[in-house]
């Protein structure tokens, strides 16, 4: 399967389907493991009907990590094109995170990594988004 990942500056023109969050803590980046998988992924998920991008980001970060308080900054928009479908989303960085208990959801556990884990759920997509986000966050003085 061919996969093409592109990134662009944030634009309010796009109607995104997904949000992806790089959650930065003193212990490292938060990655999550879905109950149905053995692989790691960045927190994030679908934007629900009539939900704003920022509301979806806040909801997904809480549902997938238990984050109670945090500061969010939008970094960039992205699109993924495959042979069978196209999708788009927005990437955020979350900092100053206060974690509570992990809610009862599709997430089995969270873990902290200093770098990308080797066993990724989306190995052709997540490294591109992660590298771009980290570089942009450094350029903007966010990390």
C-alpha atoms as a PDB file:
ATOM      1  CA  UNK A   1       0.000   0.000   0.000  1.00  0.00           C
ATOM      2  CA  UNK A   2       1.272   3.460  -0.880  1.00  0.00           C
ATOM      3  CA  UNK A   3       1.062   6.082   1.848  1.00  0.00           C
ATOM      4  CA  UNK A   4       1.759   9.777   1.355  1.00  0.00           C
ATOM      5  CA  UNK A   5       1.917  12.048   4.407  1.00  0.00           C
ATOM      6  CA  UNK A   6       2.035  15.811   3.893  1.00  0.00           C
ATOM      7  CA  UNK A   7       2.081  18.646   6.393  1.00  0.00           C
ATOM      8  CA  UNK A   8       1.064  22.280   6.127  1.00  0.00           C
ATOM      9  CA  UNK A   9       0.568  25.370   8.226  1.00  0.00           C
ATOM     10  CA  UNK A  10      -2.598  25.483  10.302  1.00  0.00           C
ATOM     11  CA  UNK A  11      -5.593  26.488   8.224  1.00  0.00           C
ATOM     12  CA  UNK A  12      -9.201  26.855   9.324  1.00  0.00           C
ATOM     13  CA  UNK A  13     -10.339  26.021   5.795  1.00  0.00           C
ATOM     14  CA  UNK A  14      -9.766  22.273   6.214  1.00  0.00           C
ATOM     15  CA  UNK A  15     -12.419  20.000   7.705  1.00  0.00           C
ATOM     16  CA  UNK A  16     -10.270  17.554   9.654  1.00  0.00           C
ATOM     17  CA  UNK A  17     -11.192  14.056  10.784  1.00  0.00           C
ATOM     18  CA  UNK A  18      -8.435  13.525  13.383  1.00  0.00           C
ATOM     19  CA  UNK A  19      -6.324  15.124  16.083  1.00  0.00           C
ATOM     20  CA  UNK A  20      -2.888  13.924  17.194  1.00  0.00           C
ATOM     21  CA  UNK A  21      -1.225  15.094  20.408  1.00  0.00           C
ATOM     22  CA  UNK A  22       2.424  15.042  21.402  1.00  0.00           C
ATOM     23  CA  UNK A  23       2.128  15.035  25.193  1.00  0.00           C
ATOM     24  CA  UNK A  24       5.349  16.327  26.734  1.00  0.00           C
ATOM     25  CA  UNK A  25       6.202  15.539  30.361  1.00  0.00           C
ATOM     26  CA  UNK A  26       9.357  15.556  32.475  1.00  0.00           C
ATOM     27  CA  UNK A  27       9.326  11.734  32.189  1.00  0.00           C
ATOM     28  CA  UNK A  28       9.199  11.849  28.374  1.00  0.00           C
ATOM     29  CA  UNK A  29       6.580  11.736  25.640  1.00  0.00           C
ATOM     30  CA  UNK A  30       3.330   9.955  26.476  1.00  0.00           C
ATOM     31  CA  UNK A  31       2.421   7.084  24.173  1.00  0.00           C
ATOM     32  CA  UNK A  32      -0.700   4.968  24.555  1.00  0.00           C
ATOM     33  CA  UNK A  33      -1.495   1.319  23.909  1.00  0.00           C
ATOM     34  CA  UNK A  34      -4.947   0.339  22.722  1.00  0.00           C
ATOM     35  CA  UNK A  35      -6.484  -2.685  24.474  1.00  0.00           C
ATOM     36  CA  UNK A  36      -6.740  -4.483  21.124  1.00  0.00           C
ATOM     37  CA  UNK A  37      -3.085  -3.924  20.134  1.00  0.00           C
ATOM     38  CA  UNK A  38       0.444  -4.571  21.331  1.00  0.00           C
ATOM     39  CA  UNK A  39       1.793  -1.432  19.652  1.00  0.00           C
ATOM     40  CA  UNK A  40       2.232   2.175  20.807  1.00  0.00           C
ATOM     41  CA  UNK A  41       0.703   5.319  19.365  1.00  0.00           C
ATOM     42  CA  UNK A  42       0.471   9.018  20.048  1.00  0.00           C
ATOM     43  CA  UNK A  43      -2.691  10.095  21.860  1.00  0.00           C
ATOM     44  CA  UNK A  44      -5.419  11.306  19.513  1.00  0.00           C
ATOM     45  CA  UNK A  45      -8.451  10.235  17.594  1.00  0.00           C
ATOM     46  CA  UNK A  46     -11.553  11.149  15.630  1.00  0.00           C
ATOM     47  CA  UNK A  47     -13.224  14.523  15.746  1.00  0.00           C
ATOM     48  CA  UNK A  48     -16.886  13.879  16.562  1.00  0.00           C
ATOM     49  CA  UNK A  49     -19.734  15.504  14.573  1.00  0.00           C
ATOM     50  CA  UNK A  50     -20.293  19.120  15.661  1.00  0.00           C
ATOM     51  CA  UNK A  51     -17.088  19.037  17.748  1.00  0.00           C
ATOM     52  CA  UNK A  52     -14.379  21.658  17.275  1.00  0.00           C
ATOM     53  CA  UNK A  53     -10.786  20.626  16.683  1.00  0.00           C
ATOM     54  CA  UNK A  54      -9.735  22.015  20.069  1.00  0.00           C
ATOM     55  CA  UNK A  55     -12.620  20.324  21.910  1.00  0.00           C
ATOM     56  CA  UNK A  56     -11.720  17.008  20.268  1.00  0.00           C
ATOM     57  CA  UNK A  57      -8.092  17.460  21.294  1.00  0.00           C
ATOM     58  CA  UNK A  58      -9.024  18.115  24.925  1.00  0.00           C
ATOM     59  CA  UNK A  59     -11.414  15.152  24.988  1.00  0.00           C
ATOM     60  CA  UNK A  60      -8.982  12.729  23.362  1.00  0.00           C
ATOM     61  CA  UNK A  61      -6.095  13.766  25.613  1.00  0.00           C
ATOM     62  CA  UNK A  62      -8.223  13.144  28.711  1.00  0.00           C
ATOM     63  CA  UNK A  63      -9.778   9.893  27.436  1.00  0.00           C
ATOM     64  CA  UNK A  64      -6.477   8.396  26.313  1.00  0.00           C
ATOM     65  CA  UNK A  65      -4.091   9.602  29.040  1.00  0.00           C
ATOM     66  CA  UNK A  66      -6.171  10.768  32.014  1.00  0.00           C
ATOM     67  CA  UNK A  67      -4.784  14.302  31.571  1.00  0.00           C
ATOM     68  CA  UNK A  68      -6.750  16.655  33.834  1.00  0.00           C
ATOM     69  CA  UNK A  69      -4.891  19.900  33.185  1.00  0.00           C
ATOM     70  CA  UNK A  70      -2.593  20.871  30.324  1.00  0.00           C
ATOM     71  CA  UNK A  71      -1.605  23.634  27.952  1.00  0.00           C
ATOM     72  CA  UNK A  72      -2.237  22.973  24.248  1.00  0.00           C
ATOM     73  CA  UNK A  73      -0.610  24.566  21.221  1.00  0.00           C
ATOM     74  CA  UNK A  74      -1.559  23.743  17.640  1.00  0.00           C
ATOM     75  CA  UNK A  75       1.512  22.992  15.539  1.00  0.00           C
ATOM     76  CA  UNK A  76       0.443  22.063  12.005  1.00  0.00           C
ATOM     77  CA  UNK A  77      -2.126  20.325   9.828  1.00  0.00           C
ATOM     78  CA  UNK A  78      -1.475  17.057   8.025  1.00  0.00           C
ATOM     79  CA  UNK A  79      -3.035  14.813   5.417  1.00  0.00           C
ATOM     80  CA  UNK A  80      -2.583  11.124   4.715  1.00  0.00           C
ATOM     81  CA  UNK A  81      -3.323   9.706   1.271  1.00  0.00           C
ATOM     82  CA  UNK A  82      -3.418   5.975   0.625  1.00  0.00           C
ATOM     83  CA  UNK A  83      -4.587   3.801  -2.244  1.00  0.00           C
ATOM     84  CA  UNK A  84      -7.972   3.419  -0.557  1.00  0.00           C
ATOM     85  CA  UNK A  85      -8.641   6.568   1.496  1.00  0.00           C
ATOM     86  CA  UNK A  86      -7.611  10.112   2.362  1.00  0.00           C
ATOM     87  CA  UNK A  87      -7.755  11.744   5.783  1.00  0.00           C
ATOM     88  CA  UNK A  88      -6.536  14.881   7.505  1.00  0.00           C
ATOM     89  CA  UNK A  89      -5.940  16.215  10.959  1.00  0.00           C
ATOM     90  CA  UNK A  90      -4.165  18.650  13.216  1.00  0.00           C
ATOM     91  CA  UNK A  91      -1.149  18.012  15.414  1.00  0.00           C
ATOM     92  CA  UNK A  92      -0.886  19.616  18.853  1.00  0.00           C
ATOM     93  CA  UNK A  93       1.670  19.678  21.614  1.00  0.00           C
ATOM     94  CA  UNK A  94       0.453  19.413  25.214  1.00  0.00           C
ATOM     95  CA  UNK A  95       2.657  20.629  28.059  1.00  0.00           C
ATOM     96  CA  UNK A  96       2.383  21.177  31.802  1.00  0.00           C
ATOM     97  CA  UNK A  97       0.247  18.063  32.078  1.00  0.00           C
ATOM     98  CA  UNK A  98      -1.400  16.934  35.301  1.00  0.00           C
ATOM     99  CA  UNK A  99      -2.358  13.279  34.992  1.00  0.00           C
ATOM    100  CA  UNK A 100      -5.235  11.640  36.823  1.00  0.00           C
ATOM    101  CA  UNK A 101      -6.338   8.011  36.664  1.00  0.00           C
ATOM    102  CA  UNK A 102      -6.652   6.509  33.201  1.00  0.00           C
ATOM    103  CA  UNK A 103     -10.364   6.586  32.279  1.00  0.00           C
ATOM    104  CA  UNK A 104     -12.161   3.402  31.286  1.00  0.00           C
ATOM    105  CA  UNK A 105     -11.725   3.554  27.512  1.00  0.00           C
ATOM    106  CA  UNK A 106     -10.083   1.718  24.630  1.00  0.00           C
ATOM    107  CA  UNK A 107      -6.654   2.492  26.103  1.00  0.00           C
ATOM    108  CA  UNK A 108      -4.987  -0.270  28.141  1.00  0.00           C
ATOM    109  CA  UNK A 109      -2.006   1.749  29.356  1.00  0.00           C
ATOM    110  CA  UNK A 110       0.214   4.755  28.855  1.00  0.00           C
ATOM    111  CA  UNK A 111       3.984   4.847  28.946  1.00  0.00           C
ATOM    112  CA  UNK A 112       6.696   7.479  28.752  1.00  0.00           C
ATOM    113  CA  UNK A 113       9.371   7.443  26.053  1.00  0.00           C
ATOM    114  CA  UNK A 114      12.317   9.780  25.461  1.00  0.00           C
ATOM    115  CA  UNK A 115      12.149   8.947  21.732  1.00  0.00           C
ATOM    116  CA  UNK A 116       9.774   7.156  19.397  1.00  0.00           C
ATOM    117  CA  UNK A 117       9.126   3.591  20.528  1.00  0.00           C
ATOM    118  CA  UNK A 118      10.099   0.938  17.987  1.00  0.00           C
ATOM    119  CA  UNK A 119       6.765  -0.869  18.083  1.00  0.00           C
ATOM    120  CA  UNK A 120       4.400   1.749  16.575  1.00  0.00           C
ATOM    121  CA  UNK A 121       0.799   1.215  15.496  1.00  0.00           C
ATOM    122  CA  UNK A 122       1.248   3.493  12.472  1.00  0.00           C
ATOM    123  CA  UNK A 123       4.955   3.187  11.575  1.00  0.00           C
ATOM    124  CA  UNK A 124       4.608   4.916   8.199  1.00  0.00           C
ATOM    125  CA  UNK A 125       2.773   7.948   9.613  1.00  0.00           C
ATOM    126  CA  UNK A 126       3.701   8.611  13.241  1.00  0.00           C
ATOM    127  CA  UNK A 127       7.465   9.094  12.733  1.00  0.00           C
ATOM    128  CA  UNK A 128       6.817  11.815  10.151  1.00  0.00           C
ATOM    129  CA  UNK A 129       4.340  13.656  12.393  1.00  0.00           C
ATOM    130  CA  UNK A 130       6.500  13.201  15.507  1.00  0.00           C
ATOM    131  CA  UNK A 131       9.699  14.498  13.896  1.00  0.00           C
ATOM    132  CA  UNK A 132       7.964  17.502  12.338  1.00  0.00           C
ATOM    133  CA  UNK A 133       6.206  18.331  15.621  1.00  0.00           C
ATOM    134  CA  UNK A 134       9.334  18.076  17.751  1.00  0.00           C
ATOM    135  CA  UNK A 135      11.350  20.223  15.319  1.00  0.00           C
ATOM    136  CA  UNK A 136       8.590  22.839  15.124  1.00  0.00           C
ATOM    137  CA  UNK A 137       8.125  22.881  18.913  1.00  0.00           C
ATOM    138  CA  UNK A 138      11.875  23.462  19.333  1.00  0.00           C
ATOM    139  CA  UNK A 139      11.835  26.267  16.736  1.00  0.00           C
ATOM    140  CA  UNK A 140       8.919  27.933  18.559  1.00  0.00           C
ATOM    141  CA  UNK A 141      10.600  27.564  21.958  1.00  0.00           C
ATOM    142  CA  UNK A 142       7.856  25.269  23.255  1.00  0.00           C
ATOM    143  CA  UNK A 143      10.273  22.553  24.395  1.00  0.00           C
END
